[in-house]
Amino acid sequence: MFLTQITTSLILFFTGICGVLINRGHVLTILMCIELMLLGINLLYIVFSTYLDDLLGQIISLFILTVAASEVAIGLAILILFFTVRFNIKVH
Protein backbone atom coordinates (compact mmCIF):
# COMPACT_ATOMS: atom_id res chain seq x y z
CA MET A 1 0.00 0.00 0.00
CA PHE A 2 2.80 2.39 0.93
CA LEU A 3 4.73 1.67 -2.25
CA THR A 4 1.70 2.20 -4.51
CA GLN A 5 1.03 5.61 -3.00
CA ILE A 6 4.63 6.66 -3.49
CA THR A 7 4.51 5.38 -7.07
CA THR A 8 1.30 7.32 -7.69
CA SER A 9 2.79 10.54 -6.36
CA LEU A 10 5.92 10.08 -8.47
CA ILE A 11 3.82 9.41 -11.57
CA LEU A 12 1.86 12.61 -10.91
CA PHE A 13 5.03 14.62 -10.43
CA PHE A 14 6.83 13.32 -13.51
CA THR A 15 3.68 13.68 -15.63
CA GLY A 16 3.66 17.34 -14.63
CA ILE A 17 7.34 17.73 -15.51
CA CYS A 18 6.84 16.08 -18.90
CA GLY A 19 3.80 18.24 -19.54
CA VAL A 20 5.74 21.43 -18.82
CA LEU A 21 8.64 20.36 -21.03
CA ILE A 22 6.50 19.14 -23.94
CA ASN A 23 3.74 21.79 -23.99
CA ARG A 24 5.75 24.99 -23.78
CA GLY A 25 3.38 26.84 -26.08
CA HIS A 26 0.16 26.85 -24.07
CA VAL A 27 0.01 28.81 -20.83
CA LEU A 28 -3.05 27.01 -19.49
CA THR A 29 -1.46 23.60 -19.99
CA ILE A 30 1.71 24.74 -18.22
CA LEU A 31 -0.35 25.94 -15.24
CA MET A 32 -2.22 22.64 -15.06
CA CYS A 33 1.05 20.69 -15.19
CA ILE A 34 2.49 22.77 -12.36
CA GLU A 35 -0.62 21.93 -10.35
CA LEU A 36 -0.04 18.23 -11.06
CA MET A 37 3.50 18.56 -9.77
CA LEU A 38 2.29 20.24 -6.58
CA LEU A 39 -0.35 17.56 -6.05
CA GLY A 40 2.27 14.85 -6.42
CA ILE A 41 4.44 16.52 -3.79
CA ASN A 42 1.42 16.92 -1.49
CA LEU A 43 0.57 13.24 -1.79
CA LEU A 44 4.16 12.31 -0.96
CA TYR A 45 4.13 14.56 2.12
CA ILE A 46 0.89 13.02 3.35
CA VAL A 47 2.07 9.45 2.72
CA PHE A 48 5.31 9.95 4.64
CA SER A 49 3.50 11.86 7.38
CA THR A 50 1.11 8.95 7.84
CA TYR A 51 3.89 6.37 7.66
CA LEU A 52 6.08 8.17 10.21
CA ASP A 53 3.08 9.10 12.41
CA ASP A 54 4.07 12.77 12.32
CA LEU A 55 1.72 15.68 11.77
CA LEU A 56 4.31 18.02 10.22
CA GLY A 57 3.96 16.61 6.71
CA GLN A 58 0.21 17.19 6.72
CA ILE A 59 0.70 20.77 7.92
CA ILE A 60 3.24 21.42 5.14
CA SER A 61 0.78 19.90 2.69
CA LEU A 62 -1.87 22.42 3.76
CA PHE A 63 0.59 25.26 3.19
CA ILE A 64 1.38 23.91 -0.28
CA LEU A 65 -2.35 23.76 -1.07
CA THR A 66 -2.78 27.42 -0.09
CA VAL A 67 0.19 28.40 -2.24
CA ALA A 68 -1.26 26.38 -5.13
CA ALA A 69 -4.63 28.11 -4.77
CA SER A 70 -3.01 31.54 -4.85
CA GLU A 71 -0.87 30.47 -7.80
CA VAL A 72 -4.01 29.50 -9.71
CA ALA A 73 -5.67 32.83 -8.97
CA ILE A 74 -2.63 34.86 -10.01
CA GLY A 75 -1.99 32.64 -13.02
CA LEU A 76 -5.53 33.02 -14.31
CA ALA A 77 -5.38 36.79 -13.82
CA ILE A 78 -2.15 36.92 -15.84
CA LEU A 79 -3.74 34.66 -18.46
CA ILE A 80 -6.73 36.98 -18.83
CA LEU A 81 -4.46 40.02 -19.17
CA PHE A 82 -2.30 38.18 -21.69
CA PHE A 83 -5.38 37.28 -23.72
CA THR A 84 -6.76 40.83 -23.72
CA VAL A 85 -3.48 42.22 -25.01
CA ARG A 86 -2.56 39.60 -27.63
CA PHE A 87 -5.95 37.89 -28.34
CA ASN A 88 -4.44 34.40 -27.93
CA ILE A 89 -2.83 32.46 -25.11
CA LYS A 90 0.12 30.88 -26.90
CA VAL A 91 3.52 31.69 -25.46
CA HIS A 92 5.57 31.41 -28.71
PDB file of N, CA and C in Angstrom:
ATOM      1  N   MET A   1       0.834  -1.201   0.000  1.00  0.00           N
ATOM      2  CA  MET A   1       0.000   0.000   0.000  1.00  0.00           C
ATOM      3  C   MET A   1       0.872   1.256   0.000  1.00  0.00           C
ATOM      4  N   PHE A   2       1.901   1.238   0.829  1.00  0.00           N
ATOM      5  CA  PHE A   2       2.796   2.393   0.933  1.00  0.00           C
ATOM      6  C   PHE A   2       3.532   2.629  -0.378  1.00  0.00           C
ATOM      7  N   LEU A   3       3.976   1.557  -1.002  1.00  0.00           N
ATOM      8  CA  LEU A   3       4.726   1.674  -2.246  1.00  0.00           C
ATOM      9  C   LEU A   3       3.843   2.151  -3.398  1.00  0.00           C
ATOM     10  N   THR A   4       2.590   1.752  -3.433  1.00  0.00           N
ATOM     11  CA  THR A   4       1.700   2.196  -4.507  1.00  0.00           C
ATOM     12  C   THR A   4       1.386   3.685  -4.391  1.00  0.00           C
ATOM     13  N   GLN A   5       1.284   4.187  -3.175  1.00  0.00           N
ATOM     14  CA  GLN A   5       1.025   5.610  -2.998  1.00  0.00           C
ATOM     15  C   GLN A   5       2.234   6.443  -3.387  1.00  0.00           C
ATOM     16  N   ILE A   6       3.423   5.955  -3.068  1.00  0.00           N
ATOM     17  CA  ILE A   6       4.633   6.660  -3.492  1.00  0.00           C
ATOM     18  C   ILE A   6       4.752   6.635  -5.006  1.00  0.00           C
ATOM     19  N   THR A   7       4.454   5.492  -5.615  1.00  0.00           N
ATOM     20  CA  THR A   7       4.507   5.381  -7.071  1.00  0.00           C
ATOM     21  C   THR A   7       3.499   6.314  -7.723  1.00  0.00           C
ATOM     22  N   THR A   8       2.309   6.416  -7.153  1.00  0.00           N
ATOM     23  CA  THR A   8       1.298   7.316  -7.694  1.00  0.00           C
ATOM     24  C   THR A   8       1.738   8.771  -7.614  1.00  0.00           C
ATOM     25  N   SER A   9       2.338   9.150  -6.490  1.00  0.00           N
ATOM     26  CA  SER A   9       2.794  10.538  -6.360  1.00  0.00           C
ATOM     27  C   SER A   9       3.937  10.830  -7.318  1.00  0.00           C
ATOM     28  N   LEU A  10       4.833   9.874  -7.524  1.00  0.00           N
ATOM     29  CA  LEU A  10       5.924  10.080  -8.473  1.00  0.00           C
ATOM     30  C   LEU A  10       5.418  10.144  -9.909  1.00  0.00           C
ATOM     31  N   ILE A  11       4.418   9.350 -10.228  1.00  0.00           N
ATOM     32  CA  ILE A  11       3.821   9.410 -11.570  1.00  0.00           C
ATOM     33  C   ILE A  11       3.168  10.769 -11.800  1.00  0.00           C
ATOM     34  N   LEU A  12       2.456  11.283 -10.795  1.00  0.00           N
ATOM     35  CA  LEU A  12       1.857  12.614 -10.909  1.00  0.00           C
ATOM     36  C   LEU A  12       2.916  13.686 -11.117  1.00  0.00           C
ATOM     37  N   PHE A  13       3.987  13.608 -10.340  1.00  0.00           N
ATOM     38  CA  PHE A  13       5.033  14.622 -10.426  1.00  0.00           C
ATOM     39  C   PHE A  13       5.728  14.585 -11.785  1.00  0.00           C
ATOM     40  N   PHE A  14       6.113  13.399 -12.242  1.00  0.00           N
ATOM     41  CA  PHE A  14       6.829  13.318 -13.507  1.00  0.00           C
ATOM     42  C   PHE A  14       5.925  13.557 -14.714  1.00  0.00           C
ATOM     43  N   THR A  15       4.627  13.297 -14.575  1.00  0.00           N
ATOM     44  CA  THR A  15       3.683  13.680 -15.629  1.00  0.00           C
ATOM     45  C   THR A  15       3.620  15.198 -15.745  1.00  0.00           C
ATOM     46  N   GLY A  16       3.641  15.879 -14.614  1.00  0.00           N
ATOM     47  CA  GLY A  16       3.665  17.343 -14.625  1.00  0.00           C
ATOM     48  C   GLY A  16       4.933  17.886 -15.244  1.00  0.00           C
ATOM     49  N   ILE A  17       6.075  17.276 -14.921  1.00  0.00           N
ATOM     50  CA  ILE A  17       7.339  17.733 -15.508  1.00  0.00           C
ATOM     51  C   ILE A  17       7.333  17.524 -17.015  1.00  0.00           C
ATOM     52  N   CYS A  18       6.897  16.350 -17.452  1.00  0.00           N
ATOM     53  CA  CYS A  18       6.840  16.077 -18.901  1.00  0.00           C
ATOM     54  C   CYS A  18       5.869  17.016 -19.597  1.00  0.00           C
ATOM     55  N   GLY A  19       4.762  17.320 -18.954  1.00  0.00           N
ATOM     56  CA  GLY A  19       3.797  18.243 -19.542  1.00  0.00           C
ATOM     57  C   GLY A  19       4.349  19.645 -19.703  1.00  0.00           C
ATOM     58  N   VAL A  20       5.129  20.098 -18.725  1.00  0.00           N
ATOM     59  CA  VAL A  20       5.736  21.428 -18.825  1.00  0.00           C
ATOM     60  C   VAL A  20       6.783  21.446 -19.934  1.00  0.00           C
ATOM     61  N   LEU A  21       7.576  20.393 -20.020  1.00  0.00           N
ATOM     62  CA  LEU A  21       8.636  20.360 -21.025  1.00  0.00           C
ATOM     63  C   LEU A  21       8.103  20.173 -22.441  1.00  0.00           C
ATOM     64  N   ILE A  22       7.043  19.414 -22.599  1.00  0.00           N
ATOM     65  CA  ILE A  22       6.500  19.138 -23.939  1.00  0.00           C
ATOM     66  C   ILE A  22       5.611  20.274 -24.426  1.00  0.00           C
ATOM     67  N   ASN A  23       4.725  20.782 -23.587  1.00  0.00           N
ATOM     68  CA  ASN A  23       3.742  21.792 -23.991  1.00  0.00           C
ATOM     69  C   ASN A  23       4.194  23.180 -23.578  1.00  0.00           C
ATOM     70  N   ARG A  24       5.245  23.658 -24.143  1.00  0.00           N
ATOM     71  CA  ARG A  24       5.747  24.986 -23.777  1.00  0.00           C
ATOM     72  C   ARG A  24       4.953  26.111 -24.425  1.00  0.00           C
ATOM     73  N   GLY A  25       4.089  25.802 -25.361  1.00  0.00           N
ATOM     74  CA  GLY A  25       3.380  26.843 -26.081  1.00  0.00           C
ATOM     75  C   GLY A  25       2.112  27.328 -25.417  1.00  0.00           C
ATOM     76  N   HIS A  26       1.459  26.512 -24.633  1.00  0.00           N
ATOM     77  CA  HIS A  26       0.162  26.854 -24.070  1.00  0.00           C
ATOM     78  C   HIS A  26       0.287  27.171 -22.578  1.00  0.00           C
ATOM     79  N   VAL A  27      -0.122  28.361 -22.213  1.00  0.00           N
ATOM     80  CA  VAL A  27       0.008  28.814 -20.829  1.00  0.00           C
ATOM     81  C   VAL A  27      -0.890  28.012 -19.902  1.00  0.00           C
ATOM     82  N   LEU A  28      -2.100  27.726 -20.330  1.00  0.00           N
ATOM     83  CA  LEU A  28      -3.051  27.008 -19.488  1.00  0.00           C
ATOM     84  C   LEU A  28      -2.568  25.591 -19.200  1.00  0.00           C
ATOM     85  N   THR A  29      -1.989  24.940 -20.191  1.00  0.00           N
ATOM     86  CA  THR A  29      -1.456  23.597 -19.994  1.00  0.00           C
ATOM     87  C   THR A  29      -0.265  23.617 -19.041  1.00  0.00           C
ATOM     88  N   ILE A  30       0.567  24.621 -19.131  1.00  0.00           N
ATOM     89  CA  ILE A  30       1.707  24.741 -18.220  1.00  0.00           C
ATOM     90  C   ILE A  30       1.220  24.924 -16.788  1.00  0.00           C
ATOM     91  N   LEU A  31       0.198  25.742 -16.593  1.00  0.00           N
ATOM     92  CA  LEU A  31      -0.347  25.941 -15.241  1.00  0.00           C
ATOM     93  C   LEU A  31      -0.944  24.649 -14.682  1.00  0.00           C
ATOM     94  N   MET A  32      -1.636  23.899 -15.523  1.00  0.00           N
ATOM     95  CA  MET A  32      -2.220  22.635 -15.059  1.00  0.00           C
ATOM     96  C   MET A  32      -1.129  21.623 -14.716  1.00  0.00           C
ATOM     97  N   CYS A  33      -0.048  21.621 -15.473  1.00  0.00           N
ATOM     98  CA  CYS A  33       1.048  20.689 -15.189  1.00  0.00           C
ATOM     99  C   CYS A  33       1.777  21.065 -13.907  1.00  0.00           C
ATOM    100  N   ILE A  34       1.893  22.345 -13.630  1.00  0.00           N
ATOM    101  CA  ILE A  34       2.494  22.772 -12.356  1.00  0.00           C
ATOM    102  C   ILE A  34       1.605  22.344 -11.196  1.00  0.00           C
ATOM    103  N   GLU A  35       0.308  22.411 -11.387  1.00  0.00           N
ATOM    104  CA  GLU A  35      -0.616  21.932 -10.351  1.00  0.00           C
ATOM    105  C   GLU A  35      -0.465  20.431 -10.137  1.00  0.00           C
ATOM    106  N   LEU A  36      -0.270  19.676 -11.209  1.00  0.00           N
ATOM    107  CA  LEU A  36      -0.038  18.234 -11.064  1.00  0.00           C
ATOM    108  C   LEU A  36       1.226  17.958 -10.264  1.00  0.00           C
ATOM    109  N   MET A  37       2.264  18.741 -10.519  1.00  0.00           N
ATOM    110  CA  MET A  37       3.504  18.564  -9.771  1.00  0.00           C
ATOM    111  C   MET A  37       3.288  18.855  -8.284  1.00  0.00           C
ATOM    112  N   LEU A  38       2.563  19.912  -7.978  1.00  0.00           N
ATOM    113  CA  LEU A  38       2.294  20.243  -6.579  1.00  0.00           C
ATOM    114  C   LEU A  38       1.428  19.183  -5.901  1.00  0.00           C
ATOM    115  N   LEU A  39       0.480  18.612  -6.629  1.00  0.00           N
ATOM    116  CA  LEU A  39      -0.351  17.558  -6.046  1.00  0.00           C
ATOM    117  C   LEU A  39       0.456  16.293  -5.784  1.00  0.00           C
ATOM    118  N   GLY A  40       1.400  15.993  -6.656  1.00  0.00           N
ATOM    119  CA  GLY A  40       2.273  14.851  -6.417  1.00  0.00           C
ATOM    120  C   GLY A  40       3.124  15.029  -5.173  1.00  0.00           C
ATOM    121  N   ILE A  41       3.644  16.231  -4.990  1.00  0.00           N
ATOM    122  CA  ILE A  41       4.438  16.519  -3.789  1.00  0.00           C
ATOM    123  C   ILE A  41       3.563  16.452  -2.544  1.00  0.00           C
ATOM    124  N   ASN A  42       2.341  16.978  -2.636  1.00  0.00           N
ATOM    125  CA  ASN A  42       1.417  16.915  -1.494  1.00  0.00           C
ATOM    126  C   ASN A  42       1.118  15.479  -1.099  1.00  0.00           C
ATOM    127  N   LEU A  43       0.868  14.640  -2.086  1.00  0.00           N
ATOM    128  CA  LEU A  43       0.573  13.239  -1.787  1.00  0.00           C
ATOM    129  C   LEU A  43       1.759  12.568  -1.117  1.00  0.00           C
ATOM    130  N   LEU A  44       2.961  12.888  -1.568  1.00  0.00           N
ATOM    131  CA  LEU A  44       4.157  12.312  -0.964  1.00  0.00           C
ATOM    132  C   LEU A  44       4.331  12.783   0.486  1.00  0.00           C
ATOM    133  N   TYR A  45       4.070  14.055   0.745  1.00  0.00           N
ATOM    134  CA  TYR A  45       4.134  14.557   2.124  1.00  0.00           C
ATOM    135  C   TYR A  45       3.129  13.841   3.016  1.00  0.00           C
ATOM    136  N   ILE A  46       1.920  13.653   2.526  1.00  0.00           N
ATOM    137  CA  ILE A  46       0.889  13.020   3.347  1.00  0.00           C
ATOM    138  C   ILE A  46       1.207  11.552   3.588  1.00  0.00           C
ATOM    139  N   VAL A  47       1.728  10.868   2.566  1.00  0.00           N
ATOM    140  CA  VAL A  47       2.075   9.453   2.723  1.00  0.00           C
ATOM    141  C   VAL A  47       3.173   9.286   3.769  1.00  0.00           C
ATOM    142  N   PHE A  48       4.235  10.075   3.670  1.00  0.00           N
ATOM    143  CA  PHE A  48       5.308   9.953   4.644  1.00  0.00           C
ATOM    144  C   PHE A  48       4.884  10.425   6.027  1.00  0.00           C
ATOM    145  N   SER A  49       3.997  11.403   6.084  1.00  0.00           N
ATOM    146  CA  SER A  49       3.496  11.859   7.377  1.00  0.00           C
ATOM    147  C   SER A  49       2.682  10.764   8.054  1.00  0.00           C
ATOM    148  N   THR A  50       1.891  10.055   7.271  1.00  0.00           N
ATOM    149  CA  THR A  50       1.108   8.954   7.837  1.00  0.00           C
ATOM    150  C   THR A  50       2.006   7.794   8.231  1.00  0.00           C
ATOM    151  N   TYR A  51       2.988   7.494   7.389  1.00  0.00           N
ATOM    152  CA  TYR A  51       3.886   6.373   7.665  1.00  0.00           C
ATOM    153  C   TYR A  51       4.744   6.622   8.899  1.00  0.00           C
ATOM    154  N   LEU A  52       5.233   7.850   9.067  1.00  0.00           N
ATOM    155  CA  LEU A  52       6.083   8.174  10.210  1.00  0.00           C
ATOM    156  C   LEU A  52       5.303   8.605  11.445  1.00  0.00           C
ATOM    157  N   ASP A  53       3.970   8.677  11.328  1.00  0.00           N
ATOM    158  CA  ASP A  53       3.085   9.100  12.410  1.00  0.00           C
ATOM    159  C   ASP A  53       3.488  10.476  12.947  1.00  0.00           C
ATOM    160  N   ASP A  54       3.666  11.403  11.997  1.00  0.00           N
ATOM    161  CA  ASP A  54       4.075  12.767  12.318  1.00  0.00           C
ATOM    162  C   ASP A  54       3.103  13.719  11.624  1.00  0.00           C
ATOM    163  N   LEU A  55       2.718  14.751  12.302  1.00  0.00           N
ATOM    164  CA  LEU A  55       1.725  15.680  11.771  1.00  0.00           C
ATOM    165  C   LEU A  55       2.336  16.772  10.906  1.00  0.00           C
ATOM    166  N   LEU A  56       3.649  16.929  10.927  1.00  0.00           N
ATOM    167  CA  LEU A  56       4.314  18.021  10.222  1.00  0.00           C
ATOM    168  C   LEU A  56       4.113  17.940   8.708  1.00  0.00           C
ATOM    169  N   GLY A  57       4.147  16.753   8.146  1.00  0.00           N
ATOM    170  CA  GLY A  57       3.956  16.605   6.705  1.00  0.00           C
ATOM    171  C   GLY A  57       2.574  17.042   6.252  1.00  0.00           C
ATOM    172  N   GLN A  58       1.565  16.772   7.067  1.00  0.00           N
ATOM    173  CA  GLN A  58       0.212  17.188   6.717  1.00  0.00           C
ATOM    174  C   GLN A  58       0.056  18.701   6.828  1.00  0.00           C
ATOM    175  N   ILE A  59       0.736  19.317   7.782  1.00  0.00           N
ATOM    176  CA  ILE A  59       0.698  20.773   7.918  1.00  0.00           C
ATOM    177  C   ILE A  59       1.383  21.428   6.726  1.00  0.00           C
ATOM    178  N   ILE A  60       2.543  20.893   6.312  1.00  0.00           N
ATOM    179  CA  ILE A  60       3.239  21.416   5.139  1.00  0.00           C
ATOM    180  C   ILE A  60       2.383  21.245   3.896  1.00  0.00           C
ATOM    181  N   SER A  61       1.663  20.130   3.820  1.00  0.00           N
ATOM    182  CA  SER A  61       0.775  19.895   2.685  1.00  0.00           C
ATOM    183  C   SER A  61      -0.336  20.946   2.612  1.00  0.00           C
ATOM    184  N   LEU A  62      -0.858  21.353   3.757  1.00  0.00           N
ATOM    185  CA  LEU A  62      -1.871  22.415   3.760  1.00  0.00           C
ATOM    186  C   LEU A  62      -1.292  23.741   3.290  1.00  0.00           C
ATOM    187  N   PHE A  63      -0.054  24.046   3.676  1.00  0.00           N
ATOM    188  CA  PHE A  63       0.587  25.261   3.194  1.00  0.00           C
ATOM    189  C   PHE A  63       0.803  25.208   1.684  1.00  0.00           C
ATOM    190  N   ILE A  64       1.184  24.056   1.171  1.00  0.00           N
ATOM    191  CA  ILE A  64       1.379  23.909  -0.276  1.00  0.00           C
ATOM    192  C   ILE A  64       0.046  24.082  -1.007  1.00  0.00           C
ATOM    193  N   LEU A  65      -1.038  23.576  -0.439  1.00  0.00           N
ATOM    194  CA  LEU A  65      -2.349  23.759  -1.069  1.00  0.00           C
ATOM    195  C   LEU A  65      -2.758  25.228  -1.111  1.00  0.00           C
ATOM    196  N   THR A  66      -2.446  25.987  -0.060  1.00  0.00           N
ATOM    197  CA  THR A  66      -2.784  27.418  -0.090  1.00  0.00           C
ATOM    198  C   THR A  66      -1.928  28.158  -1.111  1.00  0.00           C
ATOM    199  N   VAL A  67      -0.664  27.783  -1.227  1.00  0.00           N
ATOM    200  CA  VAL A  67       0.187  28.396  -2.243  1.00  0.00           C
ATOM    201  C   VAL A  67      -0.301  28.039  -3.635  1.00  0.00           C
ATOM    202  N   ALA A  68      -0.743  26.798  -3.823  1.00  0.00           N
ATOM    203  CA  ALA A  68      -1.262  26.381  -5.125  1.00  0.00           C
ATOM    204  C   ALA A  68      -2.544  27.132  -5.487  1.00  0.00           C
ATOM    205  N   ALA A  69      -3.395  27.370  -4.495  1.00  0.00           N
ATOM    206  CA  ALA A  69      -4.628  28.114  -4.766  1.00  0.00           C
ATOM    207  C   ALA A  69      -4.322  29.552  -5.156  1.00  0.00           C
ATOM    208  N   SER A  70      -3.364  30.164  -4.478  1.00  0.00           N
ATOM    209  CA  SER A  70      -3.006  31.536  -4.847  1.00  0.00           C
ATOM    210  C   SER A  70      -2.300  31.578  -6.197  1.00  0.00           C
ATOM    211  N   GLU A  71      -1.529  30.537  -6.504  1.00  0.00           N
ATOM    212  CA  GLU A  71      -0.873  30.469  -7.805  1.00  0.00           C
ATOM    213  C   GLU A  71      -1.892  30.357  -8.934  1.00  0.00           C
ATOM    214  N   VAL A  72      -2.952  29.617  -8.704  1.00  0.00           N
ATOM    215  CA  VAL A  72      -4.010  29.500  -9.711  1.00  0.00           C
ATOM    216  C   VAL A  72      -4.697  30.838  -9.919  1.00  0.00           C
ATOM    217  N   ALA A  73      -4.987  31.545  -8.844  1.00  0.00           N
ATOM    218  CA  ALA A  73      -5.667  32.834  -8.970  1.00  0.00           C
ATOM    219  C   ALA A  73      -4.795  33.850  -9.708  1.00  0.00           C
ATOM    220  N   ILE A  74      -3.531  33.923  -9.338  1.00  0.00           N
ATOM    221  CA  ILE A  74      -2.629  34.862 -10.007  1.00  0.00           C
ATOM    222  C   ILE A  74      -2.374  34.444 -11.445  1.00  0.00           C
ATOM    223  N   GLY A  75      -2.212  33.140 -11.667  1.00  0.00           N
ATOM    224  CA  GLY A  75      -1.986  32.643 -13.022  1.00  0.00           C
ATOM    225  C   GLY A  75      -3.150  32.917 -13.950  1.00  0.00           C
ATOM    226  N   LEU A  76      -4.366  32.734 -13.472  1.00  0.00           N
ATOM    227  CA  LEU A  76      -5.534  33.022 -14.309  1.00  0.00           C
ATOM    228  C   LEU A  76      -5.689  34.516 -14.573  1.00  0.00           C
ATOM    229  N   ALA A  77      -5.328  35.341 -13.596  1.00  0.00           N
ATOM    230  CA  ALA A  77      -5.378  36.786 -13.825  1.00  0.00           C
ATOM    231  C   ALA A  77      -4.359  37.200 -14.881  1.00  0.00           C
ATOM    232  N   ILE A  78      -3.161  36.634 -14.815  1.00  0.00           N
ATOM    233  CA  ILE A  78      -2.154  36.918 -15.840  1.00  0.00           C
ATOM    234  C   ILE A  78      -2.612  36.404 -17.188  1.00  0.00           C
ATOM    235  N   LEU A  79      -3.238  35.243 -17.208  1.00  0.00           N
ATOM    236  CA  LEU A  79      -3.742  34.662 -18.458  1.00  0.00           C
ATOM    237  C   LEU A  79      -4.804  35.549 -19.095  1.00  0.00           C
ATOM    238  N   ILE A  80      -5.690  36.092 -18.301  1.00  0.00           N
ATOM    239  CA  ILE A  80      -6.730  36.981 -18.829  1.00  0.00           C
ATOM    240  C   ILE A  80      -6.118  38.261 -19.378  1.00  0.00           C
ATOM    241  N   LEU A  81      -5.146  38.828 -18.666  1.00  0.00           N
ATOM    242  CA  LEU A  81      -4.465  40.022 -19.173  1.00  0.00           C
ATOM    243  C   LEU A  81      -3.695  39.733 -20.453  1.00  0.00           C
ATOM    244  N   PHE A  82      -3.052  38.591 -20.505  1.00  0.00           N
ATOM    245  CA  PHE A  82      -2.304  38.177 -21.690  1.00  0.00           C
ATOM    246  C   PHE A  82      -3.232  38.015 -22.888  1.00  0.00           C
ATOM    247  N   PHE A  83      -4.414  37.466 -22.642  1.00  0.00           N
ATOM    248  CA  PHE A  83      -5.382  37.275 -23.720  1.00  0.00           C
ATOM    249  C   PHE A  83      -5.949  38.607 -24.206  1.00  0.00           C
ATOM    250  N   THR A  84      -6.201  39.552 -23.296  1.00  0.00           N
ATOM    251  CA  THR A  84      -6.761  40.832 -23.723  1.00  0.00           C
ATOM    252  C   THR A  84      -5.762  41.657 -24.528  1.00  0.00           C
ATOM    253  N   VAL A  85      -4.479  41.468 -24.274  1.00  0.00           N
ATOM    254  CA  VAL A  85      -3.475  42.225 -25.015  1.00  0.00           C
ATOM    255  C   VAL A  85      -3.180  41.591 -26.369  1.00  0.00           C
ATOM    256  N   ARG A  86      -3.011  40.265 -26.412  1.00  0.00           N
ATOM    257  CA  ARG A  86      -2.561  39.600 -27.631  1.00  0.00           C
ATOM    258  C   ARG A  86      -3.652  38.823 -28.359  1.00  0.00           C
ATOM    259  N   PHE A  87      -4.812  38.618 -27.772  1.00  0.00           N
ATOM    260  CA  PHE A  87      -5.952  37.890 -28.339  1.00  0.00           C
ATOM    261  C   PHE A  87      -5.658  36.413 -28.601  1.00  0.00           C
ATOM    262  N   ASN A  88      -4.649  35.849 -27.981  1.00  0.00           N
ATOM    263  CA  ASN A  88      -4.438  34.403 -27.929  1.00  0.00           C
ATOM    264  C   ASN A  88      -3.595  34.093 -26.695  1.00  0.00           C
ATOM    265  N   ILE A  89      -3.526  32.822 -26.328  1.00  0.00           N
ATOM    266  CA  ILE A  89      -2.831  32.457 -25.109  1.00  0.00           C
ATOM    267  C   ILE A  89      -1.594  31.611 -25.377  1.00  0.00           C
ATOM    268  N   LYS A  90      -1.101  31.626 -26.589  1.00  0.00           N
ATOM    269  CA  LYS A  90       0.116  30.878 -26.902  1.00  0.00           C
ATOM    270  C   LYS A  90       1.327  31.687 -26.499  1.00  0.00           C
ATOM    271  N   VAL A  91       2.351  31.016 -25.994  1.00  0.00           N
ATOM    272  CA  VAL A  91       3.516  31.693 -25.463  1.00  0.00           C
ATOM    273  C   VAL A  91       4.526  32.009 -26.556  1.00  0.00           C
ATOM    274  N   HIS A  92       4.545  31.295 -27.643  1.00  0.00           N
ATOM    275  CA  HIS A  92       5.565  31.415 -28.706  1.00  0.00           C
ATOM    276  C   HIS A  92       5.983  32.831 -28.905  1.00  0.00           C
TER     277      HIS A  92
END
